[in-house]
PDB file of N, CA and C in Angstrom:
ATOM      1  N   MET A   1      -8.101 -12.750  52.834  1.00  0.00           N
ATOM      2  CA  MET A   1      -7.768 -11.510  52.149  1.00  0.00           C
ATOM      3  C   MET A   1      -8.182 -11.564  50.675  1.00  0.00           C
ATOM      4  N   GLU A   2      -7.985 -12.725  50.056  1.00  0.00           N
ATOM      5  CA  GLU A   2      -8.356 -12.884  48.646  1.00  0.00           C
ATOM      6  C   GLU A   2      -9.866 -12.732  48.465  1.00  0.00           C
ATOM      7  N   THR A   3     -10.631 -13.203  49.431  1.00  0.00           N
ATOM      8  CA  THR A   3     -12.090 -13.079  49.378  1.00  0.00           C
ATOM      9  C   THR A   3     -12.513 -11.621  49.401  1.00  0.00           C
ATOM     10  N   ILE A   4     -11.844 -10.807  50.208  1.00  0.00           N
ATOM     11  CA  ILE A   4     -12.157  -9.375  50.281  1.00  0.00           C
ATOM     12  C   ILE A   4     -11.883  -8.711  48.942  1.00  0.00           C
ATOM     13  N   LYS A   5     -10.762  -9.046  48.305  1.00  0.00           N
ATOM     14  CA  LYS A   5     -10.438  -8.471  46.994  1.00  0.00           C
ATOM     15  C   LYS A   5     -11.486  -8.870  45.965  1.00  0.00           C
ATOM     16  N   THR A   6     -11.904 -10.130  45.997  1.00  0.00           N
ATOM     17  CA  THR A   6     -12.914 -10.604  45.056  1.00  0.00           C
ATOM     18  C   THR A   6     -14.235  -9.881  45.276  1.00  0.00           C
ATOM     19  N   LEU A   7     -14.647  -9.731  46.523  1.00  0.00           N
ATOM     20  CA  LEU A   7     -15.889  -9.016  46.818  1.00  0.00           C
ATOM     21  C   LEU A   7     -15.797  -7.560  46.400  1.00  0.00           C
ATOM     22  N   SER A   8     -14.654  -6.933  46.624  1.00  0.00           N
ATOM     23  CA  SER A   8     -14.484  -5.532  46.250  1.00  0.00           C
ATOM     24  C   SER A   8     -14.625  -5.349  44.751  1.00  0.00           C
ATOM     25  N   LYS A   9     -14.006  -6.225  43.976  1.00  0.00           N
ATOM     26  CA  LYS A   9     -14.081  -6.111  42.520  1.00  0.00           C
ATOM     27  C   LYS A   9     -15.499  -6.370  42.023  1.00  0.00           C
ATOM     28  N   GLN A  10     -16.206  -7.270  42.687  1.00  0.00           N
ATOM     29  CA  GLN A  10     -17.569  -7.568  42.271  1.00  0.00           C
ATOM     30  C   GLN A  10     -18.510  -6.403  42.538  1.00  0.00           C
ATOM     31  N   SER A  11     -18.219  -5.602  43.548  1.00  0.00           N
ATOM     32  CA  SER A  11     -19.112  -4.500  43.882  1.00  0.00           C
ATOM     33  C   SER A  11     -18.865  -3.262  43.024  1.00  0.00           C
ATOM     34  N   LEU A  12     -17.770  -3.246  42.264  1.00  0.00           N
ATOM     35  CA  LEU A  12     -17.500  -2.106  41.385  1.00  0.00           C
ATOM     36  C   LEU A  12     -18.419  -2.164  40.174  1.00  0.00           C
ATOM     37  N   ARG A  13     -18.963  -1.015  39.824  1.00  0.00           N
ATOM     38  CA  ARG A  13     -19.803  -0.925  38.630  1.00  0.00           C
ATOM     39  C   ARG A  13     -19.207   0.112  37.702  1.00  0.00           C
ATOM     40  N   ASN A  14     -19.278  -0.143  36.421  1.00  0.00           N
ATOM     41  CA  ASN A  14     -18.760   0.809  35.443  1.00  0.00           C
ATOM     42  C   ASN A  14     -19.605   2.072  35.431  1.00  0.00           C
ATOM     43  N   ILE A  15     -18.936   3.178  35.206  1.00  0.00           N
ATOM     44  CA  ILE A  15     -19.602   4.473  35.092  1.00  0.00           C
ATOM     45  C   ILE A  15     -19.986   4.661  33.632  1.00  0.00           C
ATOM     46  N   SER A  16     -21.218   5.028  33.388  1.00  0.00           N
ATOM     47  CA  SER A  16     -21.682   5.220  32.013  1.00  0.00           C
ATOM     48  C   SER A  16     -21.039   6.469  31.416  1.00  0.00           C
ATOM     49  N   PRO A  17     -20.942   6.530  30.094  1.00  0.00           N
ATOM     50  CA  PRO A  17     -20.414   7.738  29.461  1.00  0.00           C
ATOM     51  C   PRO A  17     -21.219   8.987  29.828  1.00  0.00           C
ATOM     52  N   GLU A  18     -22.543   8.844  29.985  1.00  0.00           N
ATOM     53  CA  GLU A  18     -23.382   9.986  30.352  1.00  0.00           C
ATOM     54  C   GLU A  18     -23.052  10.485  31.758  1.00  0.00           C
ATOM     55  N   THR A  19     -22.805   9.562  32.670  1.00  0.00           N
ATOM     56  CA  THR A  19     -22.427   9.944  34.030  1.00  0.00           C
ATOM     57  C   THR A  19     -21.058  10.604  34.032  1.00  0.00           C
ATOM     58  N   ALA A  20     -20.160  10.121  33.185  1.00  0.00           N
ATOM     59  CA  ALA A  20     -18.832  10.735  33.076  1.00  0.00           C
ATOM     60  C   ALA A  20     -18.939  12.164  32.538  1.00  0.00           C
ATOM     61  N   VAL A  21     -19.832  12.394  31.575  1.00  0.00           N
ATOM     62  CA  VAL A  21     -20.056  13.756  31.065  1.00  0.00           C
ATOM     63  C   VAL A  21     -20.539  14.653  32.198  1.00  0.00           C
ATOM     64  N   ALA A  22     -21.468  14.152  32.999  1.00  0.00           N
ATOM     65  CA  ALA A  22     -21.978  14.935  34.135  1.00  0.00           C
ATOM     66  C   ALA A  22     -20.858  15.241  35.125  1.00  0.00           C
ATOM     67  N   LEU A  23     -20.014  14.267  35.428  1.00  0.00           N
ATOM     68  CA  LEU A  23     -18.893  14.469  36.347  1.00  0.00           C
ATOM     69  C   LEU A  23     -17.936  15.528  35.814  1.00  0.00           C
ATOM     70  N   ILE A  24     -17.592  15.428  34.545  1.00  0.00           N
ATOM     71  CA  ILE A  24     -16.680  16.391  33.919  1.00  0.00           C
ATOM     72  C   ILE A  24     -17.271  17.792  33.974  1.00  0.00           C
ATOM     73  N   THR A  25     -18.560  17.905  33.709  1.00  0.00           N
ATOM     74  CA  THR A  25     -19.224  19.208  33.705  1.00  0.00           C
ATOM     75  C   THR A  25     -19.309  19.802  35.104  1.00  0.00           C
ATOM     76  N   VAL A  26     -19.796  19.019  36.057  1.00  0.00           N
ATOM     77  CA  VAL A  26     -19.984  19.510  37.425  1.00  0.00           C
ATOM     78  C   VAL A  26     -18.654  19.877  38.077  1.00  0.00           C
ATOM     79  N   CYS A  27     -17.629  19.080  37.820  1.00  0.00           N
ATOM     80  CA  CYS A  27     -16.317  19.308  38.454  1.00  0.00           C
ATOM     81  C   CYS A  27     -15.389  20.166  37.607  1.00  0.00           C
ATOM     82  N   SER A  28     -15.864  20.623  36.457  1.00  0.00           N
ATOM     83  CA  SER A  28     -15.056  21.438  35.534  1.00  0.00           C
ATOM     84  C   SER A  28     -13.717  20.767  35.224  1.00  0.00           C
ATOM     85  N   LEU A  29     -13.775  19.481  34.896  1.00  0.00           N
ATOM     86  CA  LEU A  29     -12.562  18.732  34.585  1.00  0.00           C
ATOM     87  C   LEU A  29     -12.159  18.939  33.132  1.00  0.00           C
ATOM     88  N   SER A  30     -10.872  19.038  32.908  1.00  0.00           N
ATOM     89  CA  SER A  30     -10.365  19.056  31.540  1.00  0.00           C
ATOM     90  C   SER A  30     -10.250  17.608  31.063  1.00  0.00           C
ATOM     91  N   GLN A  31      -9.988  17.440  29.782  1.00  0.00           N
ATOM     92  CA  GLN A  31      -9.779  16.093  29.255  1.00  0.00           C
ATOM     93  C   GLN A  31      -8.594  15.440  29.969  1.00  0.00           C
ATOM     94  N   ASP A  32      -7.545  16.215  30.203  1.00  0.00           N
ATOM     95  CA  ASP A  32      -6.358  15.704  30.884  1.00  0.00           C
ATOM     96  C   ASP A  32      -6.684  15.293  32.326  1.00  0.00           C
ATOM     97  N   ASP A  33      -7.475  16.110  33.035  1.00  0.00           N
ATOM     98  CA  ASP A  33      -7.882  15.768  34.405  1.00  0.00           C
ATOM     99  C   ASP A  33      -8.647  14.442  34.426  1.00  0.00           C
ATOM    100  N   PHE A  34      -9.602  14.318  33.512  1.00  0.00           N
ATOM    101  CA  PHE A  34     -10.404  13.096  33.443  1.00  0.00           C
ATOM    102  C   PHE A  34      -9.517  11.891  33.169  1.00  0.00           C
ATOM    103  N   GLN A  35      -8.587  12.047  32.229  1.00  0.00           N
ATOM    104  CA  GLN A  35      -7.713  10.933  31.863  1.00  0.00           C
ATOM    105  C   GLN A  35      -6.812  10.524  33.030  1.00  0.00           C
ATOM    106  N   LYS A  36      -6.337  11.506  33.801  1.00  0.00           N
ATOM    107  CA  LYS A  36      -5.500  11.195  34.967  1.00  0.00           C
ATOM    108  C   LYS A  36      -6.293  10.402  36.005  1.00  0.00           C
ATOM    109  N   ILE A  37      -7.525  10.820  36.267  1.00  0.00           N
ATOM    110  CA  ILE A  37      -8.377  10.108  37.226  1.00  0.00           C
ATOM    111  C   ILE A  37      -8.659   8.696  36.717  1.00  0.00           C
ATOM    112  N   ARG A  38      -8.982   8.582  35.439  1.00  0.00           N
ATOM    113  CA  ARG A  38      -9.273   7.273  34.835  1.00  0.00           C
ATOM    114  C   ARG A  38      -8.062   6.352  34.940  1.00  0.00           C
ATOM    115  N   ASN A  39      -6.884   6.872  34.597  1.00  0.00           N
ATOM    116  CA  ASN A  39      -5.666   6.061  34.640  1.00  0.00           C
ATOM    117  C   ASN A  39      -5.320   5.628  36.063  1.00  0.00           C
ATOM    118  N   LEU A  40      -5.514   6.523  37.027  1.00  0.00           N
ATOM    119  CA  LEU A  40      -5.227   6.190  38.423  1.00  0.00           C
ATOM    120  C   LEU A  40      -6.149   5.067  38.908  1.00  0.00           C
ATOM    121  N   ARG A  41      -7.434   5.189  38.614  1.00  0.00           N
ATOM    122  CA  ARG A  41      -8.386   4.146  39.015  1.00  0.00           C
ATOM    123  C   ARG A  41      -8.046   2.818  38.334  1.00  0.00           C
ATOM    124  N   LYS A  42      -7.695   2.901  37.066  1.00  0.00           N
ATOM    125  CA  LYS A  42      -7.354   1.700  36.302  1.00  0.00           C
ATOM    126  C   LYS A  42      -6.110   1.024  36.890  1.00  0.00           C
ATOM    127  N   ALA A  43      -5.109   1.819  37.268  1.00  0.00           N
ATOM    128  CA  ALA A  43      -3.871   1.287  37.846  1.00  0.00           C
ATOM    129  C   ALA A  43      -4.116   0.603  39.188  1.00  0.00           C
ATOM    130  N   HIS A  44      -5.191   0.997  39.862  1.00  0.00           N
ATOM    131  CA  HIS A  44      -5.522   0.403  41.157  1.00  0.00           C
ATOM    132  C   HIS A  44      -6.599  -0.677  41.037  1.00  0.00           C
ATOM    133  N   GLY A  45      -6.780  -1.179  39.834  1.00  0.00           N
ATOM    134  CA  GLY A  45      -7.698  -2.300  39.628  1.00  0.00           C
ATOM    135  C   GLY A  45      -9.160  -1.938  39.568  1.00  0.00           C
ATOM    136  N   ALA A  46      -9.456  -0.679  39.374  1.00  0.00           N
ATOM    137  CA  ALA A  46     -10.854  -0.249  39.302  1.00  0.00           C
ATOM    138  C   ALA A  46     -11.085   0.473  37.976  1.00  0.00           C
ATOM    139  N   ASN A  47     -11.096  -0.290  36.905  1.00  0.00           N
ATOM    140  CA  ASN A  47     -11.288   0.272  35.568  1.00  0.00           C
ATOM    141  C   ASN A  47     -12.777   0.550  35.354  1.00  0.00           C
ATOM    142  N   ILE A  48     -13.266   1.624  35.982  1.00  0.00           N
ATOM    143  CA  ILE A  48     -14.706   1.904  35.973  1.00  0.00           C
ATOM    144  C   ILE A  48     -15.100   3.049  35.052  1.00  0.00           C
ATOM    145  N   PHE A  49     -14.127   3.857  34.624  1.00  0.00           N
ATOM    146  CA  PHE A  49     -14.438   4.997  33.765  1.00  0.00           C
ATOM    147  C   PHE A  49     -14.362   4.594  32.300  1.00  0.00           C
ATOM    148  N   PRO A  50     -15.273   5.107  31.473  1.00  0.00           N
ATOM    149  CA  PRO A  50     -15.228   4.796  30.042  1.00  0.00           C
ATOM    150  C   PRO A  50     -14.087   5.550  29.367  1.00  0.00           C
ATOM    151  N   PRO A  51     -13.648   5.069  28.209  1.00  0.00           N
ATOM    152  CA  PRO A  51     -12.636   5.818  27.455  1.00  0.00           C
ATOM    153  C   PRO A  51     -13.182   7.197  27.072  1.00  0.00           C
ATOM    154  N   TYR A  52     -12.279   8.156  26.929  1.00  0.00           N
ATOM    155  CA  TYR A  52     -12.709   9.526  26.635  1.00  0.00           C
ATOM    156  C   TYR A  52     -13.459   9.605  25.308  1.00  0.00           C
ATOM    157  N   SER A  53     -13.133   8.730  24.369  1.00  0.00           N
ATOM    158  CA  SER A  53     -13.842   8.738  23.081  1.00  0.00           C
ATOM    159  C   SER A  53     -15.337   8.457  23.283  1.00  0.00           C
ATOM    160  N   LYS A  54     -15.666   7.569  24.214  1.00  0.00           N
ATOM    161  CA  LYS A  54     -17.080   7.283  24.501  1.00  0.00           C
ATOM    162  C   LYS A  54     -17.735   8.446  25.238  1.00  0.00           C
ATOM    163  N   VAL A  55     -16.957   9.134  26.063  1.00  0.00           N
ATOM    164  CA  VAL A  55     -17.468  10.314  26.764  1.00  0.00           C
ATOM    165  C   VAL A  55     -17.804  11.401  25.742  1.00  0.00           C
ATOM    166  N   LEU A  56     -16.908  11.602  24.775  1.00  0.00           N
ATOM    167  CA  LEU A  56     -17.164  12.601  23.723  1.00  0.00           C
ATOM    168  C   LEU A  56     -18.408  12.253  22.916  1.00  0.00           C
ATOM    169  N   ALA A  57     -18.576  10.971  22.601  1.00  0.00           N
ATOM    170  CA  ALA A  57     -19.765  10.550  21.851  1.00  0.00           C
ATOM    171  C   ALA A  57     -21.036  10.836  22.655  1.00  0.00           C
ATOM    172  N   ALA A  58     -21.001  10.581  23.953  1.00  0.00           N
ATOM    173  CA  ALA A  58     -22.165  10.870  24.811  1.00  0.00           C
ATOM    174  C   ALA A  58     -22.411  12.370  24.889  1.00  0.00           C
ATOM    175  N   LYS A  59     -21.334  13.141  24.924  1.00  0.00           N
ATOM    176  CA  LYS A  59     -21.467  14.603  24.981  1.00  0.00           C
ATOM    177  C   LYS A  59     -22.108  15.128  23.699  1.00  0.00           C
ATOM    178  N   LYS A  60     -21.727  14.558  22.560  1.00  0.00           N
ATOM    179  CA  LYS A  60     -22.299  14.992  21.280  1.00  0.00           C
ATOM    180  C   LYS A  60     -23.789  14.680  21.198  1.00  0.00           C
ATOM    181  N   GLU A  61     -24.241  13.654  21.916  1.00  0.00           N
ATOM    182  CA  GLU A  61     -25.670  13.333  21.965  1.00  0.00           C
ATOM    183  C   GLU A  61     -26.470  14.443  22.641  1.00  0.00           C
ATOM    184  N   CYS A  62     -25.789  15.271  23.407  1.00  0.00           N
ATOM    185  CA  CYS A  62     -26.457  16.375  24.107  1.00  0.00           C
ATOM    186  C   CYS A  62     -26.666  17.583  23.202  1.00  0.00           C
ATOM    187  N   TYR A  63     -26.042  17.585  22.046  1.00  0.00           N
ATOM    188  CA  TYR A  63     -26.167  18.705  21.112  1.00  0.00           C
ATOM    189  C   TYR A  63     -27.321  18.454  20.150  1.00  0.00           C
ATOM    190  N   THR A  64     -27.937  19.524  19.711  1.00  0.00           N
ATOM    191  CA  THR A  64     -28.964  19.393  18.679  1.00  0.00           C
ATOM    192  C   THR A  64     -28.279  19.375  17.322  1.00  0.00           C
ATOM    193  N   ASN A  65     -29.049  19.071  16.284  1.00  0.00           N
ATOM    194  CA  ASN A  65     -28.473  18.990  14.938  1.00  0.00           C
ATOM    195  C   ASN A  65     -27.936  20.324  14.452  1.00  0.00           C
ATOM    196  N   ASN A  66     -28.593  21.412  14.814  1.00  0.00           N
ATOM    197  CA  ASN A  66     -28.213  22.726  14.300  1.00  0.00           C
ATOM    198  C   ASN A  66     -27.355  23.530  15.267  1.00  0.00           C
ATOM    199  N   SER A  67     -26.697  22.871  16.205  1.00  0.00           N
ATOM    200  CA  SER A  67     -25.839  23.585  17.154  1.00  0.00           C
ATOM    201  C   SER A  67     -24.607  24.125  16.445  1.00  0.00           C
ATOM    202  N   ASN A  68     -24.268  25.359  16.765  1.00  0.00           N
ATOM    203  CA  ASN A  68     -23.040  25.971  16.262  1.00  0.00           C
ATOM    204  C   ASN A  68     -22.169  26.238  17.486  1.00  0.00           C
ATOM    205  N   ILE A  69     -21.256  25.317  17.773  1.00  0.00           N
ATOM    206  CA  ILE A  69     -20.472  25.384  18.998  1.00  0.00           C
ATOM    207  C   ILE A  69     -19.038  25.759  18.666  1.00  0.00           C
ATOM    208  N   ASN A  70     -18.582  26.849  19.280  1.00  0.00           N
ATOM    209  CA  ASN A  70     -17.204  27.311  19.133  1.00  0.00           C
ATOM    210  C   ASN A  70     -16.545  27.282  20.499  1.00  0.00           C
ATOM    211  N   GLU A  71     -15.425  27.980  20.645  1.00  0.00           N
ATOM    212  CA  GLU A  71     -14.725  28.002  21.927  1.00  0.00           C
ATOM    213  C   GLU A  71     -15.583  28.606  23.037  1.00  0.00           C
ATOM    214  N   THR A  72     -16.208  29.750  22.802  1.00  0.00           N
ATOM    215  CA  THR A  72     -17.001  30.370  23.865  1.00  0.00           C
ATOM    216  C   THR A  72     -18.477  30.483  23.527  1.00  0.00           C
ATOM    217  N   PRO A  73     -18.860  31.063  22.374  1.00  0.00           N
ATOM    218  CA  PRO A  73     -20.306  31.197  22.164  1.00  0.00           C
ATOM    219  C   PRO A  73     -20.923  29.914  21.603  1.00  0.00           C
ATOM    220  N   VAL A  74     -22.171  29.714  21.950  1.00  0.00           N
ATOM    221  CA  VAL A  74     -22.952  28.623  21.389  1.00  0.00           C
ATOM    222  C   VAL A  74     -24.215  29.242  20.822  1.00  0.00           C
ATOM    223  N   GLU A  75     -24.448  29.027  19.545  1.00  0.00           N
ATOM    224  CA  GLU A  75     -25.654  29.541  18.908  1.00  0.00           C
ATOM    225  C   GLU A  75     -26.605  28.379  18.689  1.00  0.00           C
ATOM    226  N   GLN A  76     -27.854  28.580  19.107  1.00  0.00           N
ATOM    227  CA  GLN A  76     -28.815  27.496  19.076  1.00  0.00           C
ATOM    228  C   GLN A  76     -30.203  28.021  18.742  1.00  0.00           C
ATOM    229  N   PRO A  77     -30.820  27.567  17.628  1.00  0.00           N
ATOM    230  CA  PRO A  77     -32.211  27.943  17.380  1.00  0.00           C
ATOM    231  C   PRO A  77     -33.103  27.397  18.501  1.00  0.00           C
ATOM    232  N   LEU A  78     -34.002  28.210  19.001  1.00  0.00           N
ATOM    233  CA  LEU A  78     -34.823  27.845  20.155  1.00  0.00           C
ATOM    234  C   LEU A  78     -35.658  26.592  19.907  1.00  0.00           C
ATOM    235  N   GLN A  79     -36.291  26.487  18.744  1.00  0.00           N
ATOM    236  CA  GLN A  79     -37.134  25.317  18.478  1.00  0.00           C
ATOM    237  C   GLN A  79     -36.311  24.037  18.483  1.00  0.00           C
ATOM    238  N   ASP A  80     -35.099  24.094  17.925  1.00  0.00           N
ATOM    239  CA  ASP A  80     -34.231  22.916  17.945  1.00  0.00           C
ATOM    240  C   ASP A  80     -33.887  22.519  19.378  1.00  0.00           C
ATOM    241  N   LEU A  81     -33.641  23.505  20.215  1.00  0.00           N
ATOM    242  CA  LEU A  81     -33.323  23.237  21.614  1.00  0.00           C
ATOM    243  C   LEU A  81     -34.511  22.583  22.327  1.00  0.00           C
ATOM    244  N   LEU A  82     -35.708  23.100  22.086  1.00  0.00           N
ATOM    245  CA  LEU A  82     -36.913  22.528  22.698  1.00  0.00           C
ATOM    246  C   LEU A  82     -37.163  21.102  22.207  1.00  0.00           C
ATOM    247  N   ASP A  83     -37.018  20.885  20.899  1.00  0.00           N
ATOM    248  CA  ASP A  83     -37.207  19.543  20.339  1.00  0.00           C
ATOM    249  C   ASP A  83     -36.202  18.558  20.926  1.00  0.00           C
ATOM    250  N   HIS A  84     -34.955  18.991  20.998  1.00  0.00           N
ATOM    251  CA  HIS A  84     -33.902  18.117  21.517  1.00  0.00           C
ATOM    252  C   HIS A  84     -34.128  17.802  22.997  1.00  0.00           C
ATOM    253  N   THR A  85     -34.528  18.796  23.768  1.00  0.00           N
ATOM    254  CA  THR A  85     -34.792  18.587  25.194  1.00  0.00           C
ATOM    255  C   THR A  85     -35.933  17.593  25.383  1.00  0.00           C
ATOM    256  N   ALA A  86     -36.998  17.748  24.607  1.00  0.00           N
ATOM    257  CA  ALA A  86     -38.127  16.817  24.701  1.00  0.00           C
ATOM    258  C   ALA A  86     -37.693  15.402  24.324  1.00  0.00           C
ATOM    259  N   LYS A  87     -36.899  15.273  23.275  1.00  0.00           N
ATOM    260  CA  LYS A  87     -36.407  13.959  22.843  1.00  0.00           C
ATOM    261  C   LYS A  87     -35.587  13.299  23.938  1.00  0.00           C
ATOM    262  N   ARG A  88     -34.676  14.056  24.555  1.00  0.00           N
ATOM    263  CA  ARG A  88     -33.819  13.500  25.606  1.00  0.00           C
ATOM    264  C   ARG A  88     -34.644  13.116  26.843  1.00  0.00           C
ATOM    265  N   LEU A  89     -35.639  13.920  27.181  1.00  0.00           N
ATOM    266  CA  LEU A  89     -36.496  13.590  28.323  1.00  0.00           C
ATOM    267  C   LEU A  89     -37.268  12.298  28.079  1.00  0.00           C
ATOM    268  N   LEU A  90     -37.706  12.105  26.837  1.00  0.00           N
ATOM    269  CA  LEU A  90     -38.475  10.906  26.511  1.00  0.00           C
ATOM    270  C   LEU A  90     -37.617   9.645  26.501  1.00  0.00           C
ATOM    271  N   GLU A  91     -36.295   9.799  26.534  1.00  0.00           N
ATOM    272  CA  GLU A  91     -35.400   8.644  26.596  1.00  0.00           C
ATOM    273  C   GLU A  91     -35.217   8.140  28.025  1.00  0.00           C
ATOM    274  N   ILE A  92     -35.676   8.892  29.013  1.00  0.00           N
ATOM    275  CA  ILE A  92     -35.538   8.498  30.415  1.00  0.00           C
ATOM    276  C   ILE A  92     -36.683   7.549  30.769  1.00  0.00           C
ATOM    277  N   ASP A  93     -36.338   6.389  31.305  1.00  0.00           N
ATOM    278  CA  ASP A  93     -37.339   5.344  31.573  1.00  0.00           C
ATOM    279  C   ASP A  93     -38.485   5.812  32.457  1.00  0.00           C
ATOM    280  N   CYS A  94     -38.188   6.511  33.553  1.00  0.00           N
ATOM    281  CA  CYS A  94     -39.279   6.908  34.458  1.00  0.00           C
ATOM    282  C   CYS A  94     -40.204   7.928  33.787  1.00  0.00           C
ATOM    283  N   VAL A  95     -39.681   8.733  32.873  1.00  0.00           N
ATOM    284  CA  VAL A  95     -40.527   9.680  32.142  1.00  0.00           C
ATOM    285  C   VAL A  95     -41.424   8.911  31.179  1.00  0.00           C
ATOM    286  N   LYS A  96     -40.847   7.914  30.494  1.00  0.00           N
ATOM    287  CA  LYS A  96     -41.649   7.084  29.589  1.00  0.00           C
ATOM    288  C   LYS A  96     -42.797   6.421  30.342  1.00  0.00           C
ATOM    289  N   GLU A  97     -42.483   5.863  31.515  1.00  0.00           N
ATOM    290  CA  GLU A  97     -43.511   5.182  32.308  1.00  0.00           C
ATOM    291  C   GLU A  97     -44.613   6.148  32.736  1.00  0.00           C
ATOM    292  N   SER A  98     -44.233   7.353  33.135  1.00  0.00           N
ATOM    293  CA  SER A  98     -45.229   8.340  33.560  1.00  0.00           C
ATOM    294  C   SER A  98     -46.135   8.738  32.406  1.00  0.00           C
ATOM    295  N   ILE A  99     -45.545   8.934  31.237  1.00  0.00           N
ATOM    296  CA  ILE A  99     -46.338   9.323  30.068  1.00  0.00           C
ATOM    297  C   ILE A  99     -47.265   8.182  29.669  1.00  0.00           C
ATOM    298  N   ASN A 100     -46.742   6.959  29.664  1.00  0.00           N
ATOM    299  CA  ASN A 100     -47.595   5.810  29.330  1.00  0.00           C
ATOM    300  C   ASN A 100     -48.759   5.692  30.298  1.00  0.00           C
ATOM    301  N   TRP A 101     -48.494   5.937  31.569  1.00  0.00           N
ATOM    302  CA  TRP A 101     -49.555   5.873  32.569  1.00  0.00           C
ATOM    303  C   TRP A 101     -50.604   6.953  32.303  1.00  0.00           C
ATOM    304  N   LEU A 102     -50.157   8.144  31.892  1.00  0.00           N
ATOM    305  CA  LEU A 102     -51.090   9.250  31.646  1.00  0.00           C
ATOM    306  C   LEU A 102     -51.948   9.029  30.409  1.00  0.00           C
ATOM    307  N   ILE A 103     -51.369   8.420  29.358  1.00  0.00           N
ATOM    308  CA  ILE A 103     -52.121   8.294  28.106  1.00  0.00           C
ATOM    309  C   ILE A 103     -52.805   6.946  27.945  1.00  0.00           C
ATOM    310  N   ASP A 104     -52.538   6.001  28.838  1.00  0.00           N
ATOM    311  CA  ASP A 104     -53.168   4.687  28.748  1.00  0.00           C
ATOM    312  C   ASP A 104     -54.644   4.820  29.111  1.00  0.00           C
ATOM    313  N   PRO A 105     -55.562   4.504  28.179  1.00  0.00           N
ATOM    314  CA  PRO A 105     -56.991   4.676  28.469  1.00  0.00           C
ATOM    315  C   PRO A 105     -57.492   3.747  29.575  1.00  0.00           C
ATOM    316  N   ASN A 106     -56.772   2.691  29.864  1.00  0.00           N
ATOM    317  CA  ASN A 106     -57.194   1.739  30.897  1.00  0.00           C
ATOM    318  C   ASN A 106     -56.535   1.997  32.242  1.00  0.00           C
ATOM    319  N   CYS A 107     -55.756   3.054  32.342  1.00  0.00           N
ATOM    320  CA  CYS A 107     -54.992   3.260  33.578  1.00  0.00           C
ATOM    321  C   CYS A 107     -55.910   3.446  34.787  1.00  0.00           C
ATOM    322  N   CYS A 108     -57.015   4.146  34.610  1.00  0.00           N
ATOM    323  CA  CYS A 108     -57.920   4.375  35.746  1.00  0.00           C
ATOM    324  C   CYS A 108     -58.597   3.083  36.157  1.00  0.00           C
ATOM    325  N   ASP A 109     -58.991   2.252  35.175  1.00  0.00           N
ATOM    326  CA  ASP A 109     -59.623   0.971  35.480  1.00  0.00           C
ATOM    327  C   ASP A 109     -58.663   0.063  36.235  1.00  0.00           C
ATOM    328  N   GLN A 110     -57.387   0.075  35.841  1.00  0.00           N
ATOM    329  CA  GLN A 110     -56.397  -0.799  36.466  1.00  0.00           C
ATOM    330  C   GLN A 110     -56.123  -0.389  37.902  1.00  0.00           C
ATOM    331  N   THR A 111     -56.127   0.910  38.177  1.00  0.00           N
ATOM    332  CA  THR A 111     -55.822   1.353  39.533  1.00  0.00           C
ATOM    333  C   THR A 111     -56.997   1.139  40.476  1.00  0.00           C
ATOM    334  N   MET A 112     -58.213   1.073  39.925  1.00  0.00           N
ATOM    335  CA  MET A 112     -59.385   0.903  40.771  1.00  0.00           C
ATOM    336  C   MET A 112     -59.596  -0.556  41.149  1.00  0.00           C
ATOM    337  N   ASN A 113     -59.052  -1.491  40.375  1.00  0.00           N
ATOM    338  CA  ASN A 113     -59.251  -2.927  40.652  1.00  0.00           C
ATOM    339  C   ASN A 113     -58.327  -3.417  41.710  1.00  0.00           C
TER     340      ASN A 113
END
């Protein structure tokens, strides 16, 4: 039985703050809802959710510098939104690899060999 518990704990992986932001958004969770889920998992030995402070920091990374965010309306200059979207896309590893492959002058030579 102890071996099963050890294997179970080893297979648990922490959820990144970015994934937690996605979960909160998709499931329309409030801060209180998220905290209840986090506390329940933690009480059962599965401390996989990040603290809400880290979730908020990840959420703020999704905003552009000139965002004006209130309770309901969000005002955003279009160019800032486009710049921010491009920046965030370039942070994704598979996008970086694809771009490097496209702009590498030797990419065609490497694939032909």
